[in-house]
Amino acid sequence: MFSFIPASLKNLEQNKMKAEDQQKPKSLGKNIMCHLQCMFFHKNLSEKLNPEETRLWSQSMDKLLESKYGMATFHAFLKSEFSDENIEFWLICEDYKKIKCSFKMNSKAKKIYEQYIQAEAPKEINIDHQTRELIKRNVKTPTTFCFDEAQKIVYGLMERDSYPRFLRSDVYKTLLESANEPVKG
């Protein structure tokens, strides 16, 4: 009889650990939701997001990135997975393309190269050697398009890998649920 008690306590402890593990993704989703609400001036996110906009994010990554809240949510999700260098690189390239002054372009291109492209860069993105070498040459005399190939690669990686994970995540599911809840007044 005494051997039954430790076994049942062991089962109880295992069940408790399983329950905690199942709660982690939900609490992660809620933590990201809280972070997003803080980013958007402490207002209830469901008041700012309409359910239709949130559902549109699942149609394509372009729709997600076109939305201010979609972009912020996706970025927060990637940050929670320690893989936000891709979206940051993509965004910085979008800003880089808007630069008109050649001096600024030169300076910014070098910073982007050092931050994301060169081997062992602090936020090194996953691109092939040929693309890395092409950019290394392009940065010497930068143009608006010198990061385009790497940006396409990174976009493809996010679209095939990060974006589907985001759509399956508790973060997105929680956001969909909260956007569908009626606003309390």
N, C-alpha and C. Protein backbone atom coordinates (compact mmCIF):
# COMPACT_ATOMS: atom_id res chain seq x y z
N MET A 1 0.81 -1.19 0.00
CA MET A 1 0.00 0.00 0.00
C MET A 1 0.86 1.26 0.00
N PHE A 2 1.97 1.24 0.73
CA PHE A 2 2.83 2.41 0.80
C PHE A 2 3.46 2.73 -0.55
N SER A 3 3.72 1.70 -1.37
CA SER A 3 4.32 1.95 -2.68
C SER A 3 3.32 2.66 -3.61
N PHE A 4 2.03 2.53 -3.34
CA PHE A 4 1.00 3.17 -4.16
C PHE A 4 1.00 4.69 -3.94
N ILE A 5 1.22 5.13 -2.73
CA ILE A 5 1.20 6.55 -2.42
C ILE A 5 2.30 7.31 -3.17
N PRO A 6 3.57 6.87 -3.09
CA PRO A 6 4.58 7.60 -3.85
C PRO A 6 4.30 7.60 -5.36
N ALA A 7 3.79 6.48 -5.87
CA ALA A 7 3.48 6.42 -7.31
C ALA A 7 2.39 7.43 -7.66
N SER A 8 1.36 7.53 -6.81
CA SER A 8 0.28 8.48 -7.10
C SER A 8 0.78 9.92 -6.96
N LEU A 9 1.68 10.16 -5.99
CA LEU A 9 2.27 11.49 -5.87
C LEU A 9 3.12 11.82 -7.08
N LYS A 10 3.83 10.81 -7.57
CA LYS A 10 4.65 10.99 -8.76
C LYS A 10 3.76 11.33 -9.96
N ASN A 11 2.65 10.60 -10.11
CA ASN A 11 1.71 10.88 -11.20
C ASN A 11 1.12 12.28 -11.06
N LEU A 12 0.79 12.66 -9.82
CA LEU A 12 0.24 13.98 -9.58
C LEU A 12 1.25 15.06 -10.00
N GLU A 13 2.51 14.86 -9.64
CA GLU A 13 3.57 15.82 -10.00
C GLU A 13 3.75 15.88 -11.52
N GLN A 14 3.72 14.71 -12.18
CA GLN A 14 3.86 14.68 -13.64
C GLN A 14 2.69 15.40 -14.31
N ASN A 15 1.48 15.17 -13.80
CA ASN A 15 0.31 15.85 -14.35
C ASN A 15 0.40 17.37 -14.16
N LYS A 16 0.92 17.78 -12.99
CA LYS A 16 1.09 19.20 -12.71
C LYS A 16 2.09 19.81 -13.70
N MET A 17 3.19 19.10 -13.97
CA MET A 17 4.20 19.59 -14.90
C MET A 17 3.63 19.68 -16.32
N LYS A 18 2.84 18.67 -16.72
CA LYS A 18 2.21 18.72 -18.04
C LYS A 18 1.28 19.91 -18.16
N ALA A 19 0.50 20.15 -17.11
CA ALA A 19 -0.42 21.28 -17.12
C ALA A 19 0.34 22.60 -17.23
N GLU A 20 1.45 22.71 -16.49
CA GLU A 20 2.28 23.92 -16.57
C GLU A 20 2.84 24.11 -17.97
N ASP A 21 3.30 23.01 -18.60
CA ASP A 21 3.84 23.08 -19.96
C ASP A 21 2.77 23.52 -20.95
N GLN A 22 1.55 23.04 -20.74
CA GLN A 22 0.47 23.43 -21.64
C GLN A 22 0.09 24.89 -21.44
N GLN A 23 0.30 25.42 -20.26
CA GLN A 23 -0.04 26.82 -19.97
C GLN A 23 1.01 27.77 -20.53
N LYS A 24 2.27 27.32 -20.69
CA LYS A 24 3.35 28.21 -21.13
C LYS A 24 3.02 28.91 -22.44
N PRO A 25 2.60 28.20 -23.50
CA PRO A 25 2.30 28.92 -24.74
C PRO A 25 1.17 29.94 -24.56
N LYS A 26 0.15 29.58 -23.78
CA LYS A 26 -0.95 30.52 -23.57
C LYS A 26 -0.47 31.73 -22.80
N SER A 27 0.37 31.52 -21.79
CA SER A 27 0.86 32.67 -21.03
C SER A 27 1.81 33.48 -21.90
N LEU A 28 2.56 32.83 -22.78
CA LEU A 28 3.41 33.57 -23.71
C LEU A 28 2.54 34.43 -24.61
N GLY A 29 1.46 33.87 -25.11
CA GLY A 29 0.53 34.62 -25.94
C GLY A 29 -0.04 35.81 -25.20
N LYS A 30 -0.41 35.60 -23.94
CA LYS A 30 -0.97 36.70 -23.15
C LYS A 30 0.11 37.74 -22.82
N ASN A 31 1.35 37.29 -22.58
CA ASN A 31 2.44 38.24 -22.33
C ASN A 31 2.70 39.11 -23.55
N ILE A 32 2.67 38.52 -24.71
CA ILE A 32 2.87 39.29 -25.93
C ILE A 32 1.70 40.24 -26.13
N MET A 33 0.50 39.76 -25.84
CA MET A 33 -0.67 40.64 -25.95
C MET A 33 -0.51 41.85 -25.03
N CYS A 34 -0.06 41.61 -23.82
CA CYS A 34 0.14 42.70 -22.86
C CYS A 34 1.19 43.67 -23.40
N HIS A 35 2.27 43.13 -23.94
CA HIS A 35 3.33 43.95 -24.52
C HIS A 35 2.78 44.80 -25.66
N LEU A 36 1.98 44.19 -26.51
CA LEU A 36 1.40 44.92 -27.64
C LEU A 36 0.46 46.02 -27.16
N GLN A 37 -0.32 45.72 -26.13
CA GLN A 37 -1.23 46.73 -25.60
C GLN A 37 -0.45 47.92 -25.04
N CYS A 38 0.67 47.63 -24.40
CA CYS A 38 1.52 48.72 -23.89
C CYS A 38 2.08 49.54 -25.05
N MET A 39 2.47 48.85 -26.11
CA MET A 39 2.99 49.55 -27.29
C MET A 39 1.95 50.47 -27.89
N PHE A 40 0.70 50.06 -27.84
CA PHE A 40 -0.38 50.84 -28.45
C PHE A 40 -1.10 51.68 -27.39
N PHE A 41 -0.31 52.30 -26.50
CA PHE A 41 -0.80 53.31 -25.58
C PHE A 41 -1.81 52.78 -24.56
N HIS A 42 -1.58 51.61 -24.05
CA HIS A 42 -2.36 51.05 -22.93
C HIS A 42 -3.85 50.90 -23.23
N LYS A 43 -4.25 50.97 -24.45
CA LYS A 43 -5.66 50.75 -24.77
C LYS A 43 -5.88 49.28 -25.05
N ASN A 44 -7.09 48.86 -24.87
CA ASN A 44 -7.45 47.48 -25.17
C ASN A 44 -7.26 47.26 -26.66
N LEU A 45 -6.45 46.28 -27.01
CA LEU A 45 -6.15 46.01 -28.41
C LEU A 45 -7.40 45.70 -29.21
N SER A 46 -8.37 45.03 -28.59
CA SER A 46 -9.59 44.67 -29.33
C SER A 46 -10.39 45.90 -29.71
N GLU A 47 -10.18 47.03 -29.01
CA GLU A 47 -10.86 48.27 -29.38
C GLU A 47 -10.24 48.86 -30.65
N LYS A 48 -8.95 48.61 -30.87
CA LYS A 48 -8.25 49.16 -32.02
C LYS A 48 -8.30 48.23 -33.22
N LEU A 49 -8.39 46.96 -32.97
CA LEU A 49 -8.38 45.97 -34.04
C LEU A 49 -9.78 45.50 -34.33
N ASN A 50 -10.13 45.50 -35.57
CA ASN A 50 -11.42 44.89 -35.88
C ASN A 50 -11.15 43.45 -36.32
N PRO A 51 -12.09 42.57 -36.09
CA PRO A 51 -11.89 41.15 -36.40
C PRO A 51 -11.51 40.92 -37.87
N GLU A 52 -12.07 41.72 -38.77
CA GLU A 52 -11.80 41.54 -40.18
C GLU A 52 -10.32 41.78 -40.49
N GLU A 53 -9.76 42.84 -39.93
CA GLU A 53 -8.34 43.13 -40.16
C GLU A 53 -7.47 41.98 -39.65
N THR A 54 -7.80 41.50 -38.47
CA THR A 54 -7.02 40.41 -37.87
C THR A 54 -7.12 39.14 -38.71
N ARG A 55 -8.30 38.86 -39.23
CA ARG A 55 -8.47 37.68 -40.10
C ARG A 55 -7.72 37.85 -41.42
N LEU A 56 -7.64 39.06 -41.93
CA LEU A 56 -6.94 39.32 -43.18
C LEU A 56 -5.46 38.90 -43.11
N TRP A 57 -4.89 38.99 -41.91
CA TRP A 57 -3.49 38.63 -41.75
C TRP A 57 -3.21 37.20 -42.19
N SER A 58 -4.21 36.34 -42.09
CA SER A 58 -4.00 34.93 -42.44
C SER A 58 -4.07 34.71 -43.95
N GLN A 59 -4.48 35.71 -44.72
CA GLN A 59 -4.57 35.55 -46.17
C GLN A 59 -3.20 35.58 -46.84
N SER A 60 -2.32 36.43 -46.36
CA SER A 60 -0.97 36.50 -46.92
C SER A 60 -0.08 37.28 -45.97
N MET A 61 1.21 37.03 -46.12
CA MET A 61 2.15 37.77 -45.30
C MET A 61 2.14 39.25 -45.69
N ASP A 62 1.88 39.55 -46.96
CA ASP A 62 1.78 40.95 -47.38
C ASP A 62 0.69 41.68 -46.61
N LYS A 63 -0.46 41.04 -46.45
CA LYS A 63 -1.57 41.65 -45.70
C LYS A 63 -1.16 41.90 -44.25
N LEU A 64 -0.43 40.95 -43.69
CA LEU A 64 0.05 41.09 -42.31
C LEU A 64 0.99 42.29 -42.20
N LEU A 65 1.93 42.39 -43.13
CA LEU A 65 2.94 43.45 -43.07
C LEU A 65 2.39 44.82 -43.45
N GLU A 66 1.28 44.86 -44.17
CA GLU A 66 0.65 46.13 -44.53
C GLU A 66 -0.07 46.76 -43.34
N SER A 67 -0.43 45.96 -42.37
CA SER A 67 -1.15 46.43 -41.19
C SER A 67 -0.16 46.86 -40.11
N LYS A 68 -0.36 48.06 -39.58
CA LYS A 68 0.50 48.56 -38.50
C LYS A 68 0.48 47.59 -37.32
N TYR A 69 -0.70 47.14 -36.94
CA TYR A 69 -0.82 46.22 -35.80
C TYR A 69 -0.32 44.82 -36.17
N GLY A 70 -0.56 44.42 -37.40
CA GLY A 70 -0.06 43.13 -37.86
C GLY A 70 1.45 43.08 -37.81
N MET A 71 2.08 44.12 -38.31
CA MET A 71 3.54 44.21 -38.30
C MET A 71 4.07 44.16 -36.88
N ALA A 72 3.47 44.94 -36.00
CA ALA A 72 3.93 44.98 -34.60
C ALA A 72 3.73 43.63 -33.92
N THR A 73 2.64 42.98 -34.20
CA THR A 73 2.35 41.67 -33.59
C THR A 73 3.33 40.62 -34.10
N PHE A 74 3.55 40.61 -35.40
CA PHE A 74 4.48 39.66 -36.01
C PHE A 74 5.89 39.89 -35.48
N HIS A 75 6.27 41.16 -35.36
CA HIS A 75 7.60 41.49 -34.84
C HIS A 75 7.74 41.00 -33.39
N ALA A 76 6.72 41.25 -32.57
CA ALA A 76 6.74 40.80 -31.17
C ALA A 76 6.81 39.27 -31.10
N PHE A 77 6.07 38.60 -31.99
CA PHE A 77 6.11 37.14 -32.03
C PHE A 77 7.52 36.65 -32.36
N LEU A 78 8.14 37.24 -33.39
CA LEU A 78 9.49 36.83 -33.78
C LEU A 78 10.49 37.12 -32.67
N LYS A 79 10.30 38.24 -31.99
CA LYS A 79 11.19 38.58 -30.87
C LYS A 79 11.06 37.53 -29.76
N SER A 80 9.84 37.05 -29.52
CA SER A 80 9.64 36.03 -28.48
C SER A 80 10.31 34.72 -28.85
N GLU A 81 10.53 34.50 -30.14
CA GLU A 81 11.21 33.30 -30.62
C GLU A 81 12.70 33.54 -30.87
N PHE A 82 13.18 34.71 -30.52
CA PHE A 82 14.57 35.10 -30.74
C PHE A 82 14.95 34.99 -32.22
N SER A 83 14.04 35.40 -33.09
CA SER A 83 14.32 35.35 -34.53
C SER A 83 13.81 36.62 -35.23
N ASP A 84 14.00 37.75 -34.57
CA ASP A 84 13.48 38.99 -35.13
C ASP A 84 14.45 39.69 -36.09
N GLU A 85 15.64 39.11 -36.31
CA GLU A 85 16.59 39.75 -37.21
C GLU A 85 16.06 39.82 -38.64
N ASN A 86 15.27 38.82 -39.04
CA ASN A 86 14.75 38.83 -40.42
C ASN A 86 13.78 39.98 -40.67
N ILE A 87 12.81 40.17 -39.79
CA ILE A 87 11.85 41.25 -39.99
C ILE A 87 12.54 42.60 -39.84
N GLU A 88 13.48 42.69 -38.91
CA GLU A 88 14.21 43.95 -38.75
C GLU A 88 15.02 44.27 -40.00
N PHE A 89 15.67 43.27 -40.58
CA PHE A 89 16.42 43.48 -41.81
C PHE A 89 15.49 43.91 -42.94
N TRP A 90 14.37 43.21 -43.07
CA TRP A 90 13.42 43.53 -44.13
C TRP A 90 12.93 44.98 -43.99
N LEU A 91 12.60 45.37 -42.76
CA LEU A 91 12.11 46.73 -42.51
C LEU A 91 13.18 47.78 -42.78
N ILE A 92 14.40 47.51 -42.35
CA ILE A 92 15.48 48.48 -42.55
C ILE A 92 15.78 48.63 -44.04
N CYS A 93 15.61 47.55 -44.80
CA CYS A 93 15.78 47.64 -46.26
C CYS A 93 14.68 48.48 -46.89
N GLU A 94 13.47 48.34 -46.40
CA GLU A 94 12.37 49.17 -46.90
C GLU A 94 12.66 50.65 -46.66
N ASP A 95 13.17 50.98 -45.49
CA ASP A 95 13.54 52.37 -45.19
C ASP A 95 14.72 52.82 -46.03
N TYR A 96 15.70 51.93 -46.21
CA TYR A 96 16.89 52.24 -46.98
C TYR A 96 16.54 52.64 -48.42
N LYS A 97 15.56 51.97 -49.00
CA LYS A 97 15.16 52.26 -50.39
C LYS A 97 14.60 53.67 -50.56
N LYS A 98 14.20 54.29 -49.48
CA LYS A 98 13.63 55.64 -49.53
C LYS A 98 14.69 56.74 -49.47
N ILE A 99 15.94 56.36 -49.18
CA ILE A 99 17.01 57.34 -49.06
C ILE A 99 17.37 57.89 -50.44
N LYS A 100 17.47 59.20 -50.53
CA LYS A 100 17.80 59.86 -51.80
C LYS A 100 19.24 60.40 -51.81
N CYS A 101 19.72 60.82 -50.68
CA CYS A 101 21.05 61.41 -50.55
C CYS A 101 22.13 60.32 -50.60
N SER A 102 23.09 60.46 -51.54
CA SER A 102 24.11 59.42 -51.71
C SER A 102 25.01 59.27 -50.48
N PHE A 103 25.28 60.38 -49.78
CA PHE A 103 26.09 60.29 -48.56
C PHE A 103 25.39 59.45 -47.50
N LYS A 104 24.09 59.72 -47.30
CA LYS A 104 23.30 58.95 -46.33
C LYS A 104 23.21 57.49 -46.76
N MET A 105 23.02 57.27 -48.05
CA MET A 105 22.92 55.91 -48.58
C MET A 105 24.20 55.13 -48.31
N ASN A 106 25.33 55.78 -48.53
CA ASN A 106 26.63 55.17 -48.28
C ASN A 106 26.78 54.76 -46.82
N SER A 107 26.47 55.68 -45.94
CA SER A 107 26.58 55.45 -44.51
C SER A 107 25.63 54.33 -44.04
N LYS A 108 24.39 54.41 -44.48
CA LYS A 108 23.37 53.44 -44.07
C LYS A 108 23.70 52.05 -44.62
N ALA A 109 24.17 51.97 -45.85
CA ALA A 109 24.52 50.68 -46.47
C ALA A 109 25.61 49.98 -45.66
N LYS A 110 26.60 50.74 -45.25
CA LYS A 110 27.69 50.16 -44.45
C LYS A 110 27.16 49.64 -43.10
N LYS A 111 26.27 50.42 -42.48
CA LYS A 111 25.70 50.00 -41.19
C LYS A 111 24.87 48.72 -41.35
N ILE A 112 24.08 48.67 -42.39
CA ILE A 112 23.25 47.48 -42.64
C ILE A 112 24.15 46.27 -42.87
N TYR A 113 25.19 46.47 -43.67
CA TYR A 113 26.13 45.39 -43.96
C TYR A 113 26.78 44.87 -42.67
N GLU A 114 27.25 45.79 -41.85
CA GLU A 114 27.92 45.39 -40.60
C GLU A 114 26.96 44.74 -39.61
N GLN A 115 25.73 45.20 -39.58
CA GLN A 115 24.75 44.70 -38.61
C GLN A 115 24.13 43.37 -39.01
N TYR A 116 23.90 43.15 -40.33
CA TYR A 116 23.10 42.00 -40.77
C TYR A 116 23.78 41.07 -41.77
N ILE A 117 24.73 41.55 -42.54
CA ILE A 117 25.24 40.78 -43.68
C ILE A 117 26.58 40.10 -43.42
N GLN A 118 27.55 40.86 -42.95
CA GLN A 118 28.90 40.29 -42.82
C GLN A 118 28.89 39.08 -41.89
N ALA A 119 29.82 38.17 -42.13
CA ALA A 119 29.94 36.98 -41.29
C ALA A 119 30.15 37.40 -39.84
N GLU A 120 29.44 36.74 -38.95
CA GLU A 120 29.50 37.01 -37.51
C GLU A 120 28.90 38.37 -37.13
N ALA A 121 28.05 38.91 -37.98
CA ALA A 121 27.37 40.18 -37.68
C ALA A 121 26.48 39.98 -36.45
N PRO A 122 26.25 41.04 -35.67
CA PRO A 122 25.43 40.90 -34.46
C PRO A 122 24.03 40.32 -34.73
N LYS A 123 23.44 40.67 -35.88
CA LYS A 123 22.11 40.16 -36.22
C LYS A 123 22.16 39.49 -37.59
N GLU A 124 23.15 38.66 -37.77
CA GLU A 124 23.39 38.04 -39.07
C GLU A 124 22.16 37.28 -39.59
N ILE A 125 21.81 37.59 -40.82
CA ILE A 125 20.67 36.91 -41.46
C ILE A 125 21.18 35.68 -42.21
N ASN A 126 20.27 34.79 -42.49
CA ASN A 126 20.61 33.53 -43.14
C ASN A 126 20.50 33.67 -44.66
N ILE A 127 21.64 33.99 -45.29
CA ILE A 127 21.69 34.08 -46.75
C ILE A 127 22.88 33.27 -47.25
N ASP A 128 22.84 32.92 -48.53
CA ASP A 128 23.92 32.11 -49.09
C ASP A 128 25.18 32.97 -49.31
N HIS A 129 26.29 32.28 -49.50
CA HIS A 129 27.60 32.92 -49.65
C HIS A 129 27.64 33.85 -50.86
N GLN A 130 27.05 33.42 -51.98
CA GLN A 130 27.06 34.25 -53.20
C GLN A 130 26.36 35.58 -52.98
N THR A 131 25.22 35.54 -52.33
CA THR A 131 24.47 36.76 -52.07
C THR A 131 25.26 37.66 -51.12
N ARG A 132 25.88 37.05 -50.12
CA ARG A 132 26.70 37.81 -49.17
C ARG A 132 27.84 38.53 -49.91
N GLU A 133 28.50 37.82 -50.81
CA GLU A 133 29.61 38.40 -51.58
C GLU A 133 29.11 39.49 -52.53
N LEU A 134 27.97 39.28 -53.15
CA LEU A 134 27.39 40.28 -54.04
C LEU A 134 27.12 41.58 -53.28
N ILE A 135 26.56 41.45 -52.10
CA ILE A 135 26.26 42.64 -51.29
C ILE A 135 27.56 43.30 -50.84
N LYS A 136 28.54 42.51 -50.49
CA LYS A 136 29.83 43.06 -50.08
C LYS A 136 30.39 43.96 -51.19
N ARG A 137 30.26 43.52 -52.45
CA ARG A 137 30.71 44.34 -53.59
C ARG A 137 29.80 45.56 -53.78
N ASN A 138 28.48 45.34 -53.67
CA ASN A 138 27.51 46.42 -53.89
C ASN A 138 27.66 47.56 -52.88
N VAL A 139 28.02 47.23 -51.66
CA VAL A 139 28.10 48.23 -50.59
C VAL A 139 29.25 49.21 -50.85
N LYS A 140 30.22 48.81 -51.66
CA LYS A 140 31.33 49.72 -51.98
C LYS A 140 30.84 50.93 -52.77
N THR A 141 29.86 50.72 -53.64
CA THR A 141 29.20 51.81 -54.36
C THR A 141 27.69 51.54 -54.30
N PRO A 142 27.09 51.84 -53.16
CA PRO A 142 25.70 51.44 -52.93
C PRO A 142 24.68 52.14 -53.83
N THR A 143 23.66 51.37 -54.16
CA THR A 143 22.50 51.90 -54.87
C THR A 143 21.27 51.58 -54.04
N THR A 144 20.14 52.06 -54.47
CA THR A 144 18.88 51.80 -53.79
C THR A 144 18.59 50.30 -53.73
N PHE A 145 19.12 49.55 -54.68
CA PHE A 145 18.78 48.13 -54.84
C PHE A 145 19.84 47.16 -54.33
N CYS A 146 20.87 47.65 -53.66
CA CYS A 146 21.99 46.76 -53.32
C CYS A 146 21.64 45.64 -52.33
N PHE A 147 20.53 45.75 -51.60
CA PHE A 147 20.14 44.70 -50.66
C PHE A 147 18.94 43.88 -51.15
N ASP A 148 18.48 44.16 -52.36
CA ASP A 148 17.26 43.53 -52.86
C ASP A 148 17.30 42.00 -52.84
N GLU A 149 18.40 41.42 -53.28
CA GLU A 149 18.49 39.95 -53.34
C GLU A 149 18.38 39.34 -51.94
N ALA A 150 19.10 39.91 -50.99
CA ALA A 150 19.04 39.42 -49.61
C ALA A 150 17.65 39.64 -49.03
N GLN A 151 17.04 40.76 -49.36
CA GLN A 151 15.70 41.05 -48.86
C GLN A 151 14.69 40.03 -49.40
N LYS A 152 14.83 39.65 -50.66
CA LYS A 152 13.95 38.62 -51.24
C LYS A 152 14.14 37.28 -50.53
N ILE A 153 15.37 36.93 -50.26
CA ILE A 153 15.66 35.66 -49.57
C ILE A 153 15.04 35.66 -48.17
N VAL A 154 15.24 36.75 -47.45
CA VAL A 154 14.72 36.86 -46.09
C VAL A 154 13.19 36.84 -46.09
N TYR A 155 12.59 37.53 -47.04
CA TYR A 155 11.14 37.53 -47.14
C TYR A 155 10.64 36.10 -47.37
N GLY A 156 11.30 35.38 -48.28
CA GLY A 156 10.93 33.99 -48.56
C GLY A 156 11.05 33.10 -47.33
N LEU A 157 12.11 33.29 -46.56
CA LEU A 157 12.29 32.52 -45.32
C LEU A 157 11.15 32.79 -44.34
N MET A 158 10.82 34.06 -44.18
CA MET A 158 9.73 34.41 -43.26
C MET A 158 8.41 33.85 -43.76
N GLU A 159 8.17 33.96 -45.07
CA GLU A 159 6.90 33.51 -45.64
C GLU A 159 6.73 31.99 -45.51
N ARG A 160 7.82 31.25 -45.69
CA ARG A 160 7.74 29.78 -45.63
C ARG A 160 7.83 29.23 -44.21
N ASP A 161 8.48 29.96 -43.30
CA ASP A 161 8.75 29.41 -41.98
C ASP A 161 8.06 30.19 -40.85
N SER A 162 8.44 31.42 -40.67
CA SER A 162 7.95 32.22 -39.53
C SER A 162 6.47 32.53 -39.62
N TYR A 163 6.02 32.93 -40.79
CA TYR A 163 4.62 33.32 -40.97
C TYR A 163 3.66 32.16 -40.68
N PRO A 164 3.87 30.95 -41.23
CA PRO A 164 2.97 29.84 -40.86
C PRO A 164 2.99 29.53 -39.36
N ARG A 165 4.18 29.63 -38.73
CA ARG A 165 4.26 29.40 -37.28
C ARG A 165 3.48 30.47 -36.54
N PHE A 166 3.54 31.71 -37.01
CA PHE A 166 2.79 32.79 -36.40
C PHE A 166 1.29 32.51 -36.47
N LEU A 167 0.82 32.06 -37.62
CA LEU A 167 -0.62 31.79 -37.79
C LEU A 167 -1.10 30.65 -36.88
N ARG A 168 -0.21 29.71 -36.57
CA ARG A 168 -0.55 28.59 -35.68
C ARG A 168 -0.33 28.93 -34.20
N SER A 169 0.29 30.07 -33.95
CA SER A 169 0.70 30.41 -32.58
C SER A 169 -0.48 30.81 -31.70
N ASP A 170 -0.27 30.66 -30.40
CA ASP A 170 -1.25 31.11 -29.42
C ASP A 170 -1.37 32.63 -29.44
N VAL A 171 -0.30 33.31 -29.84
CA VAL A 171 -0.34 34.76 -29.93
C VAL A 171 -1.42 35.18 -30.92
N TYR A 172 -1.37 34.62 -32.12
CA TYR A 172 -2.35 34.98 -33.15
C TYR A 172 -3.76 34.51 -32.77
N LYS A 173 -3.85 33.29 -32.25
CA LYS A 173 -5.16 32.76 -31.85
C LYS A 173 -5.78 33.62 -30.75
N THR A 174 -4.97 34.03 -29.78
CA THR A 174 -5.46 34.88 -28.69
C THR A 174 -5.92 36.23 -29.23
N LEU A 175 -5.16 36.77 -30.16
CA LEU A 175 -5.52 38.05 -30.75
C LEU A 175 -6.82 37.96 -31.55
N LEU A 176 -6.99 36.88 -32.29
CA LEU A 176 -8.23 36.66 -33.03
C LEU A 176 -9.42 36.58 -32.07
N GLU A 177 -9.23 35.83 -30.99
CA GLU A 177 -10.30 35.70 -30.01
C GLU A 177 -10.65 37.04 -29.37
N SER A 178 -9.63 37.81 -29.00
CA SER A 178 -9.89 39.10 -28.33
C SER A 178 -10.50 40.10 -29.30
N ALA A 179 -10.14 40.01 -30.58
CA ALA A 179 -10.72 40.93 -31.58
C ALA A 179 -12.19 40.58 -31.82
N ASN A 180 -12.56 39.33 -31.60
CA ASN A 180 -13.95 38.90 -31.82
C ASN A 180 -14.83 39.12 -30.60
N GLU A 181 -14.21 39.42 -29.44
CA GLU A 181 -15.01 39.66 -28.23
C GLU A 181 -15.67 41.02 -28.33
N PRO A 182 -16.90 41.15 -27.86
CA PRO A 182 -17.55 42.47 -27.89
C PRO A 182 -16.83 43.43 -26.95
N VAL A 183 -16.76 44.68 -27.34
CA VAL A 183 -16.11 45.71 -26.52
C VAL A 183 -17.01 46.02 -25.34
N LYS A 184 -16.38 45.98 -24.13
CA LYS A 184 -17.13 46.26 -22.90
C LYS A 184 -17.14 47.76 -22.67
N GLY A 185 -18.31 48.27 -22.36
CA GLY A 185 -18.40 49.72 -22.20
C GLY A 185 -18.84 50.17 -20.89
